Amino acid sequence: MKTLIASSIYPDAITRLREQHEVICAFGADEEELKRCIAGCKALIFRSGVQITADVMACAPDLQLVMRAGSGIDNIDLEYVQEKQITLVRIPGPGAKAVAELSFALMLALARNILTADRLTRQGRWAKHELTGQLLNRKVLGIVGAGNIGTRVGQLGSAWDMDVLGCVEFRSPEAAARLAQYGIRLASLHDVLAKSDFVSIHLPLKENTRYLINAQNLALMKPGAFLINLARGGVVDEAALYQALSDGKLAGAAVDVHEKEGEGMISPLAELPNVILTPHIGSGAIDSQREIGEIIIEAMDYYITQNANPELVSERQVALNV
């Protein structure tokens, strides 16, 4: 099956796909190049960092299968996919593990001033008695968006003996029971922001989540709290976050996703000393990308043959809409 891979995936997966399929790779391509490359393709594989528009997909009238090698689907025209009855596969599980672990890496780095300690030590400053920090243990961890990724973060927080609060879009007894299994107490967005020492954001970017974390909601947060954004850049109003950090309302923030991303882009938060910035690497762990590659192979075989073991697909957390 002729396949366009529009984002870099695990190299071994590409090699294995090429053994059975005609594969075209177009990493970092603009829209016009994607239109050219997708012509004649029946399958498309992509990650974040590329926009899969209706115009791009329309250049492949035989397109049957679209695979998102990760979680978010804000960068593909879902209306077109549904209208043309194209099968959409999401592979959220492996990346969720990596994002959840990065959330804790960033929380620890902020709480213990690790970047400052590293910088001063490299300069010959022995700041042992100048640097202080906080424990995560027994702190309140707030999860904004307690879905697949957020639940994993909450589960890790519970293991660290943190008091974990989580909010979801639609509150219900069922949602409360699901979260309780992982040591997370269901709460409102207001309570999550107002009561948490650390707030970790894990929301999809939609119309009702754009700038959800704005000046008004940032004002709800505890003085001295920390904010971690591993969702999408547009979920947080960066200008409002800058102000909250500059005013000392928040002790610090870690931002992996940005309103403007890509080579040459410099975040407006870069000049602040109490901010950690990373280039959208949340799901980039080698182990996770290897697992995603394996699932892509299995999902492709499953789609073509319809004879794959459904239990294996379920365990791998592949959402096949067939």
C-alpha atoms as a PDB file:
ATOM      1  CA  MET A   1       0.000   0.000   0.000  1.00  0.00           C
ATOM      2  CA  LYS A   2       1.474   3.335  -1.034  1.00  0.00           C
ATOM      3  CA  THR A   3       2.126   5.279   2.185  1.00  0.00           C
ATOM      4  CA  LEU A   4       3.246   8.804   3.008  1.00  0.00           C
ATOM      5  CA  ILE A   5       5.121   9.275   6.282  1.00  0.00           C
ATOM      6  CA  ALA A   6       4.867  13.006   6.956  1.00  0.00           C
ATOM      7  CA  SER A   7       6.768  13.042  10.269  1.00  0.00           C
ATOM      8  CA  SER A   8       9.852  11.292  11.541  1.00  0.00           C
ATOM      9  CA  ILE A   9       9.050   7.974  13.225  1.00  0.00           C
ATOM     10  CA  TYR A  10      11.267   5.209  14.588  1.00  0.00           C
ATOM     11  CA  PRO A  11      13.738   4.300  11.780  1.00  0.00           C
ATOM     12  CA  ASP A  12      13.287   0.545  12.115  1.00  0.00           C
ATOM     13  CA  ALA A  13       9.545   0.955  11.576  1.00  0.00           C
ATOM     14  CA  ILE A  14      10.213   2.743   8.278  1.00  0.00           C
ATOM     15  CA  THR A  15      12.574  -0.038   7.201  1.00  0.00           C
ATOM     16  CA  ARG A  16       9.982  -2.700   8.004  1.00  0.00           C
ATOM     17  CA  LEU A  17       7.193  -0.802   6.265  1.00  0.00           C
ATOM     18  CA  ARG A  18       9.318  -0.564   3.129  1.00  0.00           C
ATOM     19  CA  GLU A  19       9.620  -4.343   3.039  1.00  0.00           C
ATOM     20  CA  GLN A  20       5.894  -4.612   2.266  1.00  0.00           C
ATOM     21  CA  HIS A  21       4.761  -1.178   1.078  1.00  0.00           C
ATOM     22  CA  GLU A  22       5.769   1.676  -1.176  1.00  0.00           C
ATOM     23  CA  VAL A  23       6.838   4.333   1.312  1.00  0.00           C
ATOM     24  CA  ILE A  24       7.457   8.038   0.732  1.00  0.00           C
ATOM     25  CA  CYS A  25       9.008  10.129   3.513  1.00  0.00           C
ATOM     26  CA  ALA A  26       8.424  13.879   3.639  1.00  0.00           C
ATOM     27  CA  PHE A  27       9.648  15.149   6.989  1.00  0.00           C
ATOM     28  CA  GLY A  28       9.315  18.886   7.542  1.00  0.00           C
ATOM     29  CA  ALA A  29       7.540  19.370   4.214  1.00  0.00           C
ATOM     30  CA  ASP A  30       5.372  22.406   3.562  1.00  0.00           C
ATOM     31  CA  GLU A  31       1.798  22.071   2.323  1.00  0.00           C
ATOM     32  CA  GLU A  32       2.667  22.173  -1.364  1.00  0.00           C
ATOM     33  CA  GLU A  33       5.253  19.414  -0.999  1.00  0.00           C
ATOM     34  CA  LEU A  34       2.816  17.322   1.038  1.00  0.00           C
ATOM     35  CA  LYS A  35       0.235  17.693  -1.743  1.00  0.00           C
ATOM     36  CA  ARG A  36       2.766  16.424  -4.245  1.00  0.00           C
ATOM     37  CA  CYS A  37       4.015  13.558  -2.103  1.00  0.00           C
ATOM     38  CA  ILE A  38       0.606  12.262  -1.022  1.00  0.00           C
ATOM     39  CA  ALA A  39      -0.656  11.790  -4.573  1.00  0.00           C
ATOM     40  CA  GLY A  40      -1.628   8.151  -5.106  1.00  0.00           C
ATOM     41  CA  CYS A  41      -1.209   7.237  -1.433  1.00  0.00           C
ATOM     42  CA  LYS A  42      -3.696   5.065   0.405  1.00  0.00           C
ATOM     43  CA  ALA A  43      -2.154   5.537   3.854  1.00  0.00           C
ATOM     44  CA  LEU A  44      -0.738   8.493   5.769  1.00  0.00           C
ATOM     45  CA  ILE A  45       1.347   8.477   8.971  1.00  0.00           C
ATOM     46  CA  PHE A  46       2.067  11.687  10.891  1.00  0.00           C
ATOM     47  CA  ARG A  47       2.942  13.187  14.271  1.00  0.00           C
ATOM     48  CA  SER A  48       2.752  16.735  15.639  1.00  0.00           C
ATOM     49  CA  GLY A  49       4.547  19.569  13.875  1.00  0.00           C
ATOM     50  CA  VAL A  50       2.805  19.080  10.524  1.00  0.00           C
ATOM     51  CA  GLN A  51      -0.620  20.307   9.396  1.00  0.00           C
ATOM     52  CA  ILE A  52      -2.698  17.719   7.561  1.00  0.00           C
ATOM     53  CA  THR A  53      -5.298  19.897   5.862  1.00  0.00           C
ATOM     54  CA  ALA A  54      -8.285  18.911   3.756  1.00  0.00           C
ATOM     55  CA  ASP A  55      -6.458  20.291   0.717  1.00  0.00           C
ATOM     56  CA  VAL A  56      -3.529  17.956   1.367  1.00  0.00           C
ATOM     57  CA  MET A  57      -5.721  14.877   1.785  1.00  0.00           C
ATOM     58  CA  ALA A  58      -7.820  15.814  -1.245  1.00  0.00           C
ATOM     59  CA  CYS A  59      -4.717  15.236  -3.378  1.00  0.00           C
ATOM     60  CA  ALA A  60      -5.004  11.538  -2.465  1.00  0.00           C
ATOM     61  CA  PRO A  61      -8.540  10.538  -3.503  1.00  0.00           C
ATOM     62  CA  ASP A  62      -7.786   6.889  -2.652  1.00  0.00           C
ATOM     63  CA  LEU A  63      -6.664   7.703   0.902  1.00  0.00           C
ATOM     64  CA  GLN A  64      -8.083   5.025   3.207  1.00  0.00           C
ATOM     65  CA  LEU A  65      -6.018   5.010   6.394  1.00  0.00           C
ATOM     66  CA  VAL A  66      -4.577   7.851   8.480  1.00  0.00           C
ATOM     67  CA  MET A  67      -2.387   7.030  11.483  1.00  0.00           C
ATOM     68  CA  ARG A  68      -1.535   9.581  14.156  1.00  0.00           C
ATOM     69  CA  ALA A  69       1.666   8.333  15.777  1.00  0.00           C
ATOM     70  CA  GLY A  70       0.710   9.864  19.102  1.00  0.00           C
ATOM     71  CA  SER A  71      -2.235  11.422  20.854  1.00  0.00           C
ATOM     72  CA  GLY A  72      -3.350  14.865  19.700  1.00  0.00           C
ATOM     73  CA  ILE A  73      -5.445  15.308  16.569  1.00  0.00           C
ATOM     74  CA  ASP A  74      -5.588  19.110  16.466  1.00  0.00           C
ATOM     75  CA  ASN A  75      -3.359  19.167  13.369  1.00  0.00           C
ATOM     76  CA  ILE A  76      -5.618  17.205  11.022  1.00  0.00           C
ATOM     77  CA  ASP A  77      -8.913  18.209   9.423  1.00  0.00           C
ATOM     78  CA  LEU A  78     -11.260  15.780  11.170  1.00  0.00           C
ATOM     79  CA  GLU A  79     -14.315  16.931   9.226  1.00  0.00           C
ATOM     80  CA  TYR A  80     -12.680  15.836   5.987  1.00  0.00           C
ATOM     81  CA  VAL A  81     -11.654  12.501   7.512  1.00  0.00           C
ATOM     82  CA  GLN A  82     -15.213  11.845   8.658  1.00  0.00           C
ATOM     83  CA  GLU A  83     -16.790  13.076   5.436  1.00  0.00           C
ATOM     84  CA  LYS A  84     -14.614  10.767   3.335  1.00  0.00           C
ATOM     85  CA  GLN A  85     -14.967   7.899   5.836  1.00  0.00           C
ATOM     86  CA  ILE A  86     -11.214   7.548   6.170  1.00  0.00           C
ATOM     87  CA  THR A  87     -10.095   5.236   8.950  1.00  0.00           C
ATOM     88  CA  LEU A  88      -8.285   7.185  11.667  1.00  0.00           C
ATOM     89  CA  VAL A  89      -5.877   5.401  13.999  1.00  0.00           C
ATOM     90  CA  ARG A  90      -4.485   7.087  17.103  1.00  0.00           C
ATOM     91  CA  ILE A  91      -1.621   5.603  19.111  1.00  0.00           C
ATOM     92  CA  PRO A  92      -1.718   7.460  22.436  1.00  0.00           C
ATOM     93  CA  GLY A  93      -0.384   4.894  24.908  1.00  0.00           C
ATOM     94  CA  PRO A  94       3.410   4.853  24.457  1.00  0.00           C
ATOM     95  CA  GLY A  95       3.723   8.621  24.217  1.00  0.00           C
ATOM     96  CA  ALA A  96       1.606   9.041  27.335  1.00  0.00           C
ATOM     97  CA  LYS A  97       4.241   7.212  29.372  1.00  0.00           C
ATOM     98  CA  ALA A  98       6.965   9.528  28.098  1.00  0.00           C
ATOM     99  CA  VAL A  99       4.954  12.712  28.644  1.00  0.00           C
ATOM    100  CA  ALA A 100       4.019  11.674  32.178  1.00  0.00           C
ATOM    101  CA  GLU A 101       7.643  11.018  33.091  1.00  0.00           C
ATOM    102  CA  LEU A 102       8.740  14.338  31.594  1.00  0.00           C
ATOM    103  CA  SER A 103       6.136  16.095  33.714  1.00  0.00           C
ATOM    104  CA  PHE A 104       7.867  14.746  36.805  1.00  0.00           C
ATOM    105  CA  ALA A 105      11.325  15.547  35.469  1.00  0.00           C
ATOM    106  CA  LEU A 106      10.224  19.160  35.023  1.00  0.00           C
ATOM    107  CA  MET A 107       8.502  19.306  38.413  1.00  0.00           C
ATOM    108  CA  LEU A 108      11.660  18.074  40.118  1.00  0.00           C
ATOM    109  CA  ALA A 109      13.868  20.451  38.148  1.00  0.00           C
ATOM    110  CA  LEU A 110      11.691  23.383  39.179  1.00  0.00           C
ATOM    111  CA  ALA A 111      11.246  22.327  42.804  1.00  0.00           C
ATOM    112  CA  ARG A 112      14.953  21.711  43.405  1.00  0.00           C
ATOM    113  CA  ASN A 113      16.391  24.535  41.248  1.00  0.00           C
ATOM    114  CA  ILE A 114      18.385  21.980  39.289  1.00  0.00           C
ATOM    115  CA  LEU A 115      19.086  24.184  36.250  1.00  0.00           C
ATOM    116  CA  THR A 116      20.334  27.035  38.427  1.00  0.00           C
ATOM    117  CA  ALA A 117      22.469  24.664  40.474  1.00  0.00           C
ATOM    118  CA  ASP A 118      23.996  23.195  37.321  1.00  0.00           C
ATOM    119  CA  ARG A 119      24.731  26.617  35.803  1.00  0.00           C
ATOM    120  CA  LEU A 120      26.364  28.002  38.960  1.00  0.00           C
ATOM    121  CA  THR A 121      28.450  24.877  39.510  1.00  0.00           C
ATOM    122  CA  ARG A 122      29.755  25.063  35.936  1.00  0.00           C
ATOM    123  CA  GLN A 123      30.780  28.662  36.677  1.00  0.00           C
ATOM    124  CA  GLY A 124      32.733  27.590  39.762  1.00  0.00           C
ATOM    125  CA  ARG A 125      30.112  28.861  42.208  1.00  0.00           C
ATOM    126  CA  TRP A 126      29.635  26.437  45.102  1.00  0.00           C
ATOM    127  CA  ALA A 127      26.091  27.534  46.002  1.00  0.00           C
ATOM    128  CA  LYS A 128      25.356  24.689  48.415  1.00  0.00           C
ATOM    129  CA  HIS A 129      24.108  27.026  51.144  1.00  0.00           C
ATOM    130  CA  GLU A 130      22.330  29.459  48.804  1.00  0.00           C
ATOM    131  CA  LEU A 131      20.032  27.111  46.941  1.00  0.00           C
ATOM    132  CA  THR A 132      16.893  25.814  48.546  1.00  0.00           C
ATOM    133  CA  GLY A 133      14.132  23.628  47.210  1.00  0.00           C
ATOM    134  CA  GLN A 134      10.919  21.809  47.919  1.00  0.00           C
ATOM    135  CA  LEU A 135       9.776  18.222  48.118  1.00  0.00           C
ATOM    136  CA  LEU A 136       7.073  16.848  45.876  1.00  0.00           C
ATOM    137  CA  ASN A 137       6.106  14.494  48.668  1.00  0.00           C
ATOM    138  CA  ARG A 138       2.832  15.531  50.372  1.00  0.00           C
ATOM    139  CA  LYS A 139       2.309  18.446  47.991  1.00  0.00           C
ATOM    140  CA  VAL A 140      -0.938  18.904  46.047  1.00  0.00           C
ATOM    141  CA  LEU A 141      -0.664  17.963  42.383  1.00  0.00           C
ATOM    142  CA  GLY A 142      -3.378  19.295  40.096  1.00  0.00           C
ATOM    143  CA  ILE A 143      -4.068  17.679  36.735  1.00  0.00           C
ATOM    144  CA  VAL A 144      -5.880  19.882  34.223  1.00  0.00           C
ATOM    145  CA  GLY A 145      -7.218  17.292  31.800  1.00  0.00           C
ATOM    146  CA  ALA A 146      -7.219  13.921  33.556  1.00  0.00           C
ATOM    147  CA  GLY A 147      -7.492  11.817  30.419  1.00  0.00           C
ATOM    148  CA  ASN A 148      -5.037   9.242  29.130  1.00  0.00           C
ATOM    149  CA  ILE A 149      -1.868  11.249  29.819  1.00  0.00           C
ATOM    150  CA  GLY A 150      -3.175  13.186  32.801  1.00  0.00           C
ATOM    151  CA  THR A 151      -4.249  10.003  34.542  1.00  0.00           C
ATOM    152  CA  ARG A 152      -0.723   8.613  34.193  1.00  0.00           C
ATOM    153  CA  VAL A 153       0.704  11.782  35.712  1.00  0.00           C
ATOM    154  CA  GLY A 154      -1.763  11.518  38.580  1.00  0.00           C
ATOM    155  CA  GLN A 155      -0.915   7.870  39.115  1.00  0.00           C
ATOM    156  CA  LEU A 156       2.781   8.751  39.396  1.00  0.00           C
ATOM    157  CA  GLY A 157       1.919  11.584  41.755  1.00  0.00           C
ATOM    158  CA  SER A 158      -0.019   9.253  43.982  1.00  0.00           C
ATOM    159  CA  ALA A 159       3.003   6.940  44.117  1.00  0.00           C
ATOM    160  CA  TRP A 160       5.076   9.937  45.297  1.00  0.00           C
ATOM    161  CA  ASP A 161       2.547  10.384  48.105  1.00  0.00           C
ATOM    162  CA  MET A 162       1.160  13.565  46.595  1.00  0.00           C
ATOM    163  CA  ASP A 163      -2.449  14.623  47.066  1.00  0.00           C
ATOM    164  CA  VAL A 164      -3.716  14.457  43.488  1.00  0.00           C
ATOM    165  CA  LEU A 165      -6.670  16.415  42.129  1.00  0.00           C
ATOM    166  CA  GLY A 166      -7.875  16.097  38.546  1.00  0.00           C
ATOM    167  CA  CYS A 167     -10.481  17.800  36.411  1.00  0.00           C
ATOM    168  CA  VAL A 168     -12.168  16.574  33.247  1.00  0.00           C
ATOM    169  CA  GLU A 169     -14.433  18.218  30.697  1.00  0.00           C
ATOM    170  CA  PHE A 170     -17.525  16.286  31.767  1.00  0.00           C
ATOM    171  CA  ARG A 171     -17.764  15.486  35.468  1.00  0.00           C
ATOM    172  CA  SER A 172     -19.715  12.373  36.418  1.00  0.00           C
ATOM    173  CA  PRO A 173     -19.767   9.620  39.051  1.00  0.00           C
ATOM    174  CA  GLU A 174     -18.203   7.320  36.446  1.00  0.00           C
ATOM    175  CA  ALA A 175     -15.328   9.747  35.873  1.00  0.00           C
ATOM    176  CA  ALA A 176     -14.808  10.059  39.627  1.00  0.00           C
ATOM    177  CA  ALA A 177     -14.712   6.279  40.021  1.00  0.00           C
ATOM    178  CA  ARG A 178     -12.259   5.877  37.142  1.00  0.00           C
ATOM    179  CA  LEU A 179      -9.863   8.452  38.544  1.00  0.00           C
ATOM    180  CA  ALA A 180     -10.155   7.104  42.089  1.00  0.00           C
ATOM    181  CA  GLN A 181      -8.610   3.837  40.880  1.00  0.00           C
ATOM    182  CA  TYR A 182      -5.403   5.782  40.254  1.00  0.00           C
ATOM    183  CA  GLY A 183      -5.443   7.803  43.455  1.00  0.00           C
ATOM    184  CA  ILE A 184      -6.893  10.935  41.832  1.00  0.00           C
ATOM    185  CA  ARG A 185      -9.773  12.922  43.330  1.00  0.00           C
ATOM    186  CA  LEU A 186     -12.120  14.484  40.801  1.00  0.00           C
ATOM    187  CA  ALA A 187     -12.422  18.254  41.267  1.00  0.00           C
ATOM    188  CA  SER A 188     -13.483  21.356  39.397  1.00  0.00           C
ATOM    189  CA  LEU A 189     -10.989  23.389  37.366  1.00  0.00           C
ATOM    190  CA  HIS A 190     -11.326  26.140  39.971  1.00  0.00           C
ATOM    191  CA  ASP A 191     -10.340  23.822  42.821  1.00  0.00           C
ATOM    192  CA  VAL A 192      -7.519  22.203  40.873  1.00  0.00           C
ATOM    193  CA  LEU A 193      -5.956  25.614  40.222  1.00  0.00           C
ATOM    194  CA  ALA A 194      -6.694  27.099  43.641  1.00  0.00           C
ATOM    195  CA  LYS A 195      -5.491  24.180  45.769  1.00  0.00           C
ATOM    196  CA  SER A 196      -2.486  22.795  43.894  1.00  0.00           C
ATOM    197  CA  ASP A 197       1.206  23.380  44.508  1.00  0.00           C
ATOM    198  CA  PHE A 198       2.010  21.929  41.093  1.00  0.00           C
ATOM    199  CA  VAL A 199      -0.366  22.133  38.119  1.00  0.00           C
ATOM    200  CA  SER A 200       0.304  19.894  35.121  1.00  0.00           C
ATOM    201  CA  ILE A 201      -1.727  20.562  31.963  1.00  0.00           C
ATOM    202  CA  HIS A 202      -2.777  17.748  29.613  1.00  0.00           C
ATOM    203  CA  LEU A 203      -5.598  19.021  27.402  1.00  0.00           C
ATOM    204  CA  PRO A 204      -6.244  18.770  23.676  1.00  0.00           C
ATOM    205  CA  LEU A 205      -6.357  22.118  21.889  1.00  0.00           C
ATOM    206  CA  LYS A 206      -9.964  22.851  20.940  1.00  0.00           C
ATOM    207  CA  GLU A 207     -12.092  25.956  20.705  1.00  0.00           C
ATOM    208  CA  ASN A 208     -13.163  25.629  24.333  1.00  0.00           C
ATOM    209  CA  THR A 209      -9.605  25.021  25.607  1.00  0.00           C
ATOM    210  CA  ARG A 210      -7.782  27.772  23.695  1.00  0.00           C
ATOM    211  CA  TYR A 211      -6.353  30.148  26.317  1.00  0.00           C
ATOM    212  CA  LEU A 212      -8.155  28.220  29.031  1.00  0.00           C
ATOM    213  CA  ILE A 213      -5.226  29.055  31.296  1.00  0.00           C
ATOM    214  CA  ASN A 214      -5.594  32.820  31.045  1.00  0.00           C
ATOM    215  CA  ALA A 215      -4.941  35.694  33.434  1.00  0.00           C
ATOM    216  CA  GLN A 216      -8.177  35.057  35.316  1.00  0.00           C
ATOM    217  CA  ASN A 217      -7.430  31.382  35.907  1.00  0.00           C
ATOM    218  CA  LEU A 218      -3.765  31.991  36.672  1.00  0.00           C
ATOM    219  CA  ALA A 219      -4.907  34.406  39.376  1.00  0.00           C
ATOM    220  CA  LEU A 220      -6.665  31.489  41.088  1.00  0.00           C
ATOM    221  CA  MET A 221      -3.398  29.639  41.627  1.00  0.00           C
ATOM    222  CA  LYS A 222      -1.593  29.544  44.949  1.00  0.00           C
ATOM    223  CA  PRO A 223       1.188  32.105  45.410  1.00  0.00           C
ATOM    224  CA  GLY A 224       4.438  30.231  44.816  1.00  0.00           C
ATOM    225  CA  ALA A 225       2.856  27.416  42.787  1.00  0.00           C
ATOM    226  CA  PHE A 226       4.434  25.872  39.698  1.00  0.00           C
ATOM    227  CA  LEU A 227       2.836  25.389  36.268  1.00  0.00           C
ATOM    228  CA  ILE A 228       3.834  22.690  33.752  1.00  0.00           C
ATOM    229  CA  ASN A 229       2.397  22.744  30.230  1.00  0.00           C
ATOM    230  CA  LEU A 230       2.772  19.530  28.233  1.00  0.00           C
ATOM    231  CA  ALA A 231      -0.498  19.913  26.327  1.00  0.00           C
ATOM    232  CA  ARG A 232      -0.514  22.431  23.458  1.00  0.00           C
ATOM    233  CA  GLY A 233       0.854  25.948  23.360  1.00  0.00           C
ATOM    234  CA  GLY A 234      -2.518  27.528  22.658  1.00  0.00           C
ATOM    235  CA  VAL A 235      -3.999  26.203  25.890  1.00  0.00           C
ATOM    236  CA  VAL A 236      -1.962  28.716  27.916  1.00  0.00           C
ATOM    237  CA  ASP A 237      -1.981  32.464  27.352  1.00  0.00           C
ATOM    238  CA  GLU A 238       1.793  33.005  27.289  1.00  0.00           C
ATOM    239  CA  ALA A 239       1.493  36.758  27.866  1.00  0.00           C
ATOM    240  CA  ALA A 240      -0.580  36.152  30.996  1.00  0.00           C
ATOM    241  CA  LEU A 241       1.848  33.467  32.167  1.00  0.00           C
ATOM    242  CA  TYR A 242       4.766  35.863  31.626  1.00  0.00           C
ATOM    243  CA  GLN A 243       3.047  38.435  33.838  1.00  0.00           C
ATOM    244  CA  ALA A 244       2.254  35.915  36.581  1.00  0.00           C
ATOM    245  CA  LEU A 245       5.887  34.769  36.639  1.00  0.00           C
ATOM    246  CA  SER A 246       7.306  38.299  36.496  1.00  0.00           C
ATOM    247  CA  ASP A 247       5.053  39.478  39.330  1.00  0.00           C
ATOM    248  CA  GLY A 248       6.141  36.588  41.531  1.00  0.00           C
ATOM    249  CA  LYS A 249       2.630  35.150  41.650  1.00  0.00           C
ATOM    250  CA  LEU A 250       4.026  31.830  40.439  1.00  0.00           C
ATOM    251  CA  ALA A 251       7.351  30.431  41.562  1.00  0.00           C
ATOM    252  CA  GLY A 252       8.124  28.926  38.186  1.00  0.00           C
ATOM    253  CA  ALA A 253       6.912  27.220  35.061  1.00  0.00           C
ATOM    254  CA  ALA A 254       8.038  24.549  32.634  1.00  0.00           C
ATOM    255  CA  VAL A 255       6.800  24.735  29.048  1.00  0.00           C
ATOM    256  CA  ASP A 256       7.323  22.001  26.462  1.00  0.00           C
ATOM    257  CA  VAL A 257       4.695  23.246  23.998  1.00  0.00           C
ATOM    258  CA  HIS A 258       4.557  26.768  22.622  1.00  0.00           C
ATOM    259  CA  GLU A 259       2.208  29.045  20.739  1.00  0.00           C
ATOM    260  CA  LYS A 260       4.884  29.402  18.057  1.00  0.00           C
ATOM    261  CA  GLU A 261       7.107  26.405  17.482  1.00  0.00           C
ATOM    262  CA  GLY A 262       9.934  25.589  15.119  1.00  0.00           C
ATOM    263  CA  GLU A 263      13.509  26.489  14.228  1.00  0.00           C
ATOM    264  CA  GLY A 264      14.373  30.096  15.008  1.00  0.00           C
ATOM    265  CA  MET A 265      11.389  30.663  17.289  1.00  0.00           C
ATOM    266  CA  ILE A 266      12.257  32.126  20.687  1.00  0.00           C
ATOM    267  CA  SER A 267       9.625  32.005  23.402  1.00  0.00           C
ATOM    268  CA  PRO A 268       8.742  35.313  25.090  1.00  0.00           C
ATOM    269  CA  LEU A 269       9.281  33.387  28.336  1.00  0.00           C
ATOM    270  CA  ALA A 270      12.947  32.765  27.494  1.00  0.00           C
ATOM    271  CA  GLU A 271      14.179  35.863  29.319  1.00  0.00           C
ATOM    272  CA  LEU A 272      12.719  34.749  32.651  1.00  0.00           C
ATOM    273  CA  PRO A 273      15.041  32.864  35.025  1.00  0.00           C
ATOM    274  CA  ASN A 274      12.270  30.837  36.666  1.00  0.00           C
ATOM    275  CA  VAL A 275      11.155  29.083  33.478  1.00  0.00           C
ATOM    276  CA  ILE A 276      12.305  25.822  31.863  1.00  0.00           C
ATOM    277  CA  LEU A 277      11.725  25.618  28.117  1.00  0.00           C
ATOM    278  CA  THR A 278      11.931  22.446  26.028  1.00  0.00           C
ATOM    279  CA  PRO A 279      11.174  21.975  22.295  1.00  0.00           C
ATOM    280  CA  HIS A 280       8.033  19.779  22.318  1.00  0.00           C
ATOM    281  CA  ILE A 281       9.918  16.630  23.341  1.00  0.00           C
ATOM    282  CA  GLY A 282       7.249  15.167  25.621  1.00  0.00           C
ATOM    283  CA  SER A 283       6.708  11.926  23.739  1.00  0.00           C
ATOM    284  CA  GLY A 284      10.222  11.747  22.324  1.00  0.00           C
ATOM    285  CA  ALA A 285      11.621   8.939  24.493  1.00  0.00           C
ATOM    286  CA  ILE A 286      13.343   6.260  22.399  1.00  0.00           C
ATOM    287  CA  ASP A 287      11.400   3.473  24.108  1.00  0.00           C
ATOM    288  CA  SER A 288       8.063   5.125  23.367  1.00  0.00           C
ATOM    289  CA  GLN A 289       8.909   5.831  19.737  1.00  0.00           C
ATOM    290  CA  ARG A 290      10.086   2.247  19.269  1.00  0.00           C
ATOM    291  CA  GLU A 291       6.778   0.987  20.685  1.00  0.00           C
ATOM    292  CA  ILE A 292       4.797   3.365  18.480  1.00  0.00           C
ATOM    293  CA  GLY A 293       6.705   2.032  15.468  1.00  0.00           C
ATOM    294  CA  GLU A 294       5.796  -1.526  16.396  1.00  0.00           C
ATOM    295  CA  ILE A 295       2.136  -0.573  16.739  1.00  0.00           C
ATOM    296  CA  ILE A 296       2.154   1.166  13.363  1.00  0.00           C
ATOM    297  CA  ILE A 297       3.322  -2.080  11.753  1.00  0.00           C
ATOM    298  CA  GLU A 298       0.672  -4.095  13.593  1.00  0.00           C
ATOM    299  CA  ALA A 299      -2.071  -1.579  12.836  1.00  0.00           C
ATOM    300  CA  MET A 300      -1.200  -1.535   9.157  1.00  0.00           C
ATOM    301  CA  ASP A 301      -1.313  -5.342   9.027  1.00  0.00           C
ATOM    302  CA  TYR A 302      -4.556  -5.375  11.007  1.00  0.00           C
ATOM    303  CA  TYR A 303      -6.187  -2.919   8.655  1.00  0.00           C
ATOM    304  CA  ILE A 304      -5.108  -4.779   5.550  1.00  0.00           C
ATOM    305  CA  THR A 305      -5.750  -8.345   6.634  1.00  0.00           C
ATOM    306  CA  GLN A 306      -8.467  -7.849   9.275  1.00  0.00           C
ATOM    307  CA  ASN A 307      -7.003 -10.986  10.880  1.00  0.00           C
ATOM    308  CA  ALA A 308      -4.791  -9.479  13.581  1.00  0.00           C
ATOM    309  CA  ASN A 309      -5.488 -10.395  17.174  1.00  0.00           C
ATOM    310  CA  PRO A 310      -7.950  -7.753  18.484  1.00  0.00           C
ATOM    311  CA  GLU A 311      -6.712  -8.306  22.041  1.00  0.00           C
ATOM    312  CA  LEU A 312      -3.173  -7.401  20.983  1.00  0.00           C
ATOM    313  CA  VAL A 313      -4.410  -4.255  19.316  1.00  0.00           C
ATOM    314  CA  SER A 314      -6.419  -3.353  22.418  1.00  0.00           C
ATOM    315  CA  GLU A 315      -3.476  -3.912  24.725  1.00  0.00           C
ATOM    316  CA  ARG A 316      -1.333  -1.717  22.525  1.00  0.00           C
ATOM    317  CA  GLN A 317      -3.991   1.001  22.793  1.00  0.00           C
ATOM    318  CA  VAL A 318      -4.610   1.387  19.095  1.00  0.00           C
ATOM    319  CA  ALA A 319      -7.964   3.045  18.417  1.00  0.00           C
ATOM    320  CA  LEU A 320      -9.085   1.520  15.125  1.00  0.00           C
ATOM    321  CA  ASN A 321     -12.324   2.966  13.823  1.00  0.00           C
ATOM    322  CA  VAL A 322     -13.189   0.180  11.403  1.00  0.00           C
END
